[in-house]
Protein backbone atom coordinates (compact mmCIF):
# COMPACT_ATOMS: atom_id res chain seq x y z
CA MET A 1 5.26 -1.24 -3.19
CA ILE A 2 5.80 -2.98 0.00
CA ARG A 3 6.31 -0.04 2.19
CA ALA A 4 6.94 -1.40 5.57
CA VAL A 5 8.71 -4.85 6.45
CA VAL A 6 7.60 -5.96 9.84
CA ILE A 7 9.49 -8.34 11.59
CA ASP A 8 9.29 -10.92 14.63
CA VAL A 9 11.90 -10.97 17.25
CA ASP A 10 12.22 -14.56 18.51
CA ASP A 11 13.67 -17.34 16.06
CA THR A 12 13.26 -14.62 13.26
CA LEU A 13 15.64 -11.64 13.57
CA CYS A 14 17.35 -13.60 16.56
CA LEU A 15 17.73 -17.24 17.15
CA THR A 16 16.24 -17.61 20.51
CA GLU A 17 14.39 -20.68 21.67
CA ALA A 18 17.34 -22.81 22.51
CA VAL A 19 18.85 -19.97 24.61
CA CYS A 20 15.22 -19.19 25.95
CA PHE A 21 14.95 -22.81 27.10
CA GLU A 22 18.18 -22.60 28.98
CA LEU A 23 17.01 -19.23 30.63
CA GLU A 24 13.78 -20.28 31.55
CA ASN A 25 15.38 -23.64 33.40
CA GLU A 26 17.99 -21.32 35.23
CA VAL A 27 15.11 -19.54 36.88
CA LEU A 28 13.21 -22.51 37.76
CA ALA A 29 16.37 -23.82 39.41
CA ARG A 30 16.74 -20.63 41.23
CA ILE A 31 13.17 -20.99 42.50
CA GLY A 32 13.48 -24.15 43.26
CA ARG A 33 11.48 -25.65 40.59
CA GLU A 34 12.47 -28.88 38.59
CA PRO A 35 13.54 -28.34 34.91
CA MET A 36 11.42 -28.59 32.06
CA PRO A 37 11.79 -30.92 29.06
CA ARG A 38 13.08 -29.44 26.07
CA ALA A 39 9.72 -31.22 24.22
CA VAL A 40 7.37 -29.31 26.53
CA HIS A 41 9.09 -26.01 25.36
CA LEU A 42 9.05 -26.47 21.98
CA SER A 43 5.38 -27.52 21.97
CA THR A 44 4.50 -24.15 23.78
CA TRP A 45 7.08 -21.72 21.87
CA GLY A 46 5.32 -18.73 20.52
CA GLN A 47 3.01 -18.12 23.44
CA PRO A 48 3.33 -15.24 25.73
CA LEU A 49 5.95 -16.40 28.53
CA LEU A 50 3.53 -16.31 31.50
CA ASP A 51 0.80 -17.85 29.25
CA ALA A 52 3.20 -20.77 28.61
CA MET A 53 4.96 -21.36 32.05
CA PRO A 54 1.93 -23.03 33.56
CA GLN A 55 2.40 -25.53 31.27
CA ARG A 56 6.35 -25.73 31.10
CA SER A 57 6.14 -26.29 34.96
CA PRO A 58 2.76 -27.15 36.32
CA GLY A 59 1.98 -25.36 39.58
CA VAL A 60 4.81 -22.53 39.20
CA ASP A 61 4.36 -19.17 41.04
CA LEU A 62 4.16 -16.90 38.43
CA GLU A 63 5.00 -13.81 40.38
CA ASN A 64 8.30 -15.49 41.84
CA PHE A 65 9.05 -16.73 38.38
CA LYS A 66 8.60 -13.20 36.76
CA ALA A 67 10.82 -11.60 39.34
CA VAL A 68 13.69 -14.09 38.92
CA TYR A 69 13.18 -14.07 35.26
CA HIS A 70 14.09 -10.42 34.95
CA VAL A 71 17.17 -10.76 36.85
CA VAL A 72 18.13 -13.69 34.81
CA LEU A 73 17.47 -12.15 31.44
CA ARG A 74 19.65 -9.03 32.19
CA GLU A 75 22.54 -11.68 32.92
CA TYR A 76 21.60 -13.33 29.78
CA VAL A 77 21.76 -9.92 27.70
CA THR A 78 24.69 -8.30 29.50
CA ASP A 79 26.53 -11.78 28.97
CA GLY A 80 25.56 -11.52 25.03
CA ARG A 81 24.14 -14.86 25.04
CA LEU A 82 20.36 -13.38 24.41
CA ASP A 83 18.88 -11.54 21.42
CA VAL A 84 22.03 -11.35 19.58
CA VAL A 85 21.33 -9.78 16.11
CA VAL A 86 24.34 -11.01 13.75
CA PRO A 87 26.01 -8.94 11.30
CA GLU A 88 24.38 -10.33 8.23
CA ASN A 89 20.84 -9.81 9.76
CA LEU A 90 21.98 -6.06 10.07
CA GLU A 91 23.05 -5.74 6.61
CA ALA A 92 19.63 -7.34 5.39
CA LEU A 93 17.84 -4.59 7.17
CA ASP A 94 19.86 -2.06 6.08
CA GLU A 95 19.19 -3.49 2.00
CA LEU A 96 15.57 -3.48 2.96
CA ALA A 97 15.82 0.45 4.00
CA ILE A 98 17.69 1.49 0.90
CA ALA A 99 15.24 -0.06 -1.00
CA GLY A 100 12.62 2.40 0.58
CA ARG A 101 11.22 0.27 3.02
CA SER A 102 10.13 1.09 6.80
CA ILE A 103 11.53 -1.69 9.11
CA MET A 104 9.33 -2.36 12.31
CA LEU A 105 9.41 -4.89 14.87
CA LEU A 106 5.94 -6.68 16.30
CA THR A 107 6.55 -9.02 18.85
CA SER A 108 4.19 -10.62 21.91
CA ARG A 109 7.18 -9.96 24.31
CA THR A 110 6.17 -7.52 27.13
CA GLU A 111 7.65 -4.03 27.45
CA ALA A 112 10.37 -5.24 29.89
CA GLU A 113 11.34 -8.24 27.76
CA VAL A 114 12.08 -5.94 24.71
CA GLU A 115 13.35 -2.93 26.82
CA HIS A 116 16.98 -3.71 26.01
CA LEU A 117 16.41 -3.75 22.34
CA LEU A 118 14.90 -0.12 22.73
CA ALA A 119 18.03 1.15 24.02
CA PRO A 120 19.09 4.11 22.17
CA ASP A 121 22.97 2.71 21.92
CA HIS A 122 21.51 -0.61 20.61
CA VAL A 123 22.31 -1.74 17.25
CA LEU A 124 18.79 -1.51 16.09
CA ALA A 125 17.97 1.82 17.38
CA ASP A 126 18.52 3.65 14.01
CA ARG A 127 17.55 1.01 11.96
CA LEU A 128 13.89 0.49 13.32
CA THR A 129 11.00 3.06 12.69
CA ALA A 130 8.83 1.75 15.31
CA VAL A 131 8.84 -1.47 17.77
CA TYR A 132 5.13 -2.96 18.89
CA HIS A 133 5.14 -5.24 21.77
CA GLY A 134 2.58 -6.13 24.52
CA GLY A 135 2.97 -3.05 26.34
CA ASN A 136 1.82 -0.85 23.38
CA MET A 137 -0.44 -3.41 21.52
CA ARG A 138 -4.12 -3.81 22.75
CA PHE A 139 -4.06 -7.49 21.31
CA SER A 140 -1.15 -10.06 20.82
CA LYS A 141 -0.83 -12.83 17.95
CA PRO A 142 -2.24 -14.92 16.67
CA ASP A 143 -5.10 -12.33 16.92
CA ALA A 144 -5.16 -10.41 13.78
CA ARG A 145 -5.75 -7.27 15.66
CA ALA A 146 -2.17 -7.29 16.98
CA PHE A 147 -1.89 -5.02 13.89
CA ASP A 148 -4.30 -2.50 14.57
CA GLU A 149 -2.04 0.16 16.29
CA LEU A 150 0.71 -0.45 13.37
CA LEU A 151 -1.85 0.21 10.69
CA ALA A 152 -3.79 3.06 12.53
CA VAL A 153 0.06 4.90 13.10
CA THR A 154 1.29 4.51 10.04
CA GLY A 155 -1.70 4.85 7.72
CA LEU A 156 -0.24 1.98 5.54
CA ARG A 157 -2.86 -0.39 3.71
CA PRO A 158 -2.38 -4.01 4.98
CA GLY A 159 -1.29 -4.94 1.34
CA GLN A 160 1.72 -2.63 1.77
CA CYS A 161 2.95 -4.02 4.51
CA LEU A 162 4.69 -7.98 5.06
CA TYR A 163 5.55 -9.79 8.32
CA VAL A 164 8.07 -11.66 8.83
CA GLY A 165 7.76 -14.45 11.29
CA ASP A 166 8.44 -18.29 12.27
CA SER A 167 5.35 -19.83 13.63
CA PRO A 168 1.87 -20.64 12.43
CA GLY A 169 0.44 -18.06 14.80
CA ASP A 170 2.62 -15.19 13.26
CA ALA A 171 0.97 -16.54 9.56
CA GLN A 172 -2.41 -16.65 11.08
CA ALA A 173 -2.27 -12.95 12.36
CA ALA A 174 -0.70 -11.88 9.35
CA ASN A 175 -3.38 -13.44 7.08
CA GLY A 176 -6.18 -12.33 9.29
CA ALA A 177 -5.08 -8.63 9.15
CA GLY A 178 -4.68 -8.76 5.21
CA LEU A 179 -0.58 -8.57 5.32
CA HIS A 180 1.80 -10.51 3.22
CA PHE A 181 3.86 -13.26 5.08
CA ILE A 182 6.99 -14.68 5.05
CA ALA A 183 7.99 -17.64 7.22
CA CYS A 184 11.49 -17.83 8.10
CA LEU A 185 12.63 -21.55 9.12
CA GLN A 186 16.11 -21.08 10.30
CA SER A 187 16.05 -22.10 13.70
CA GLY A 188 14.58 -25.51 12.77
CA VAL A 189 11.55 -25.71 15.18
CA ARG A 190 9.21 -25.63 12.30
CA ARG A 191 8.96 -27.12 8.98
CA ARG A 192 6.95 -25.82 5.86
CA ASP A 193 4.00 -28.51 6.47
CA ASP A 194 3.40 -26.80 9.72
CA PHE A 195 2.07 -23.83 7.79
CA ASP A 196 -0.31 -25.88 5.83
CA ASP A 197 -3.45 -24.23 7.31
CA HIS A 198 -2.22 -20.73 6.31
CA HIS A 199 -0.98 -18.58 3.60
CA VAL A 200 2.47 -17.99 3.02
CA ASP A 201 3.85 -15.91 0.35
CA ALA A 202 7.58 -17.15 0.62
CA PHE A 203 9.55 -19.34 2.68
CA ILE A 204 13.19 -18.30 3.60
CA ASP A 205 16.03 -20.46 5.18
CA ALA A 206 17.72 -17.70 6.93
CA PHE A 207 16.80 -14.20 7.89
CA PRO A 208 19.10 -12.46 5.01
CA ASP A 209 17.17 -14.11 2.47
CA VAL A 210 14.45 -11.83 3.40
CA VAL A 211 15.64 -9.33 0.83
CA ASP A 212 15.42 -11.19 -2.27
CA ALA A 213 12.05 -12.80 -0.96
CA VAL A 214 10.70 -9.16 -0.69
CA ALA A 215 11.80 -8.07 -3.84
CA ARG A 216 10.49 -11.20 -5.83
CA LEU A 217 7.02 -10.87 -3.98
CA GLU A 218 6.80 -7.01 -4.72
CA GLY A 219 7.78 -7.65 -8.65
CA ASN A 220 5.15 -10.32 -9.02
CA HIS A 221 2.77 -8.47 -7.29
CA ILE A 222 3.51 -5.38 -9.76
CA ARG A 223 3.35 -7.64 -12.73
CA GLY A 224 0.26 -9.39 -11.60
């Protein structure tokens, strides 16, 4: 049985790339920098933010960017522009839980970038067993060791866990750790052929499709 469904945040549980592009350019404007082109943002999407910013804005002062970023991040969250979990995605999480699966998040975001998702009054608060992020993981995707803490704490075997993500780096990490992997293509940022070098158990066009995909994967595994 697939006992844990582990989910990426960006462009998986929430559609965020386009909003993050706007947010980061707002930060750049506030610190007197030129905006980045969308193509550059797309080409570096999936990297930890501060690793990507020197490519997105060469010469940027990372400490200055970081300080203003957290201000703008709070504004976007407060305005309901970032990290919106739509009702149909919440329903999918509830269906997975009803089927007896633990629900966890695993993201390369820093602790400050997920702080609002951890609030006790957030819609996810009663739905998640655990959240793994840059503050409580020693390694980040695409390193397969990103799952070390999760597996150690839960005592689950990799084959009992499934990761849902949107990037080849997500697939690489899950494959390396021995987890099942489902690729969510809802954002339109990636296509099936972007995953040609990795094993993908299933592709889904929208996050709510994960419920049936997990059930089919589990059924096929049991029959096999």
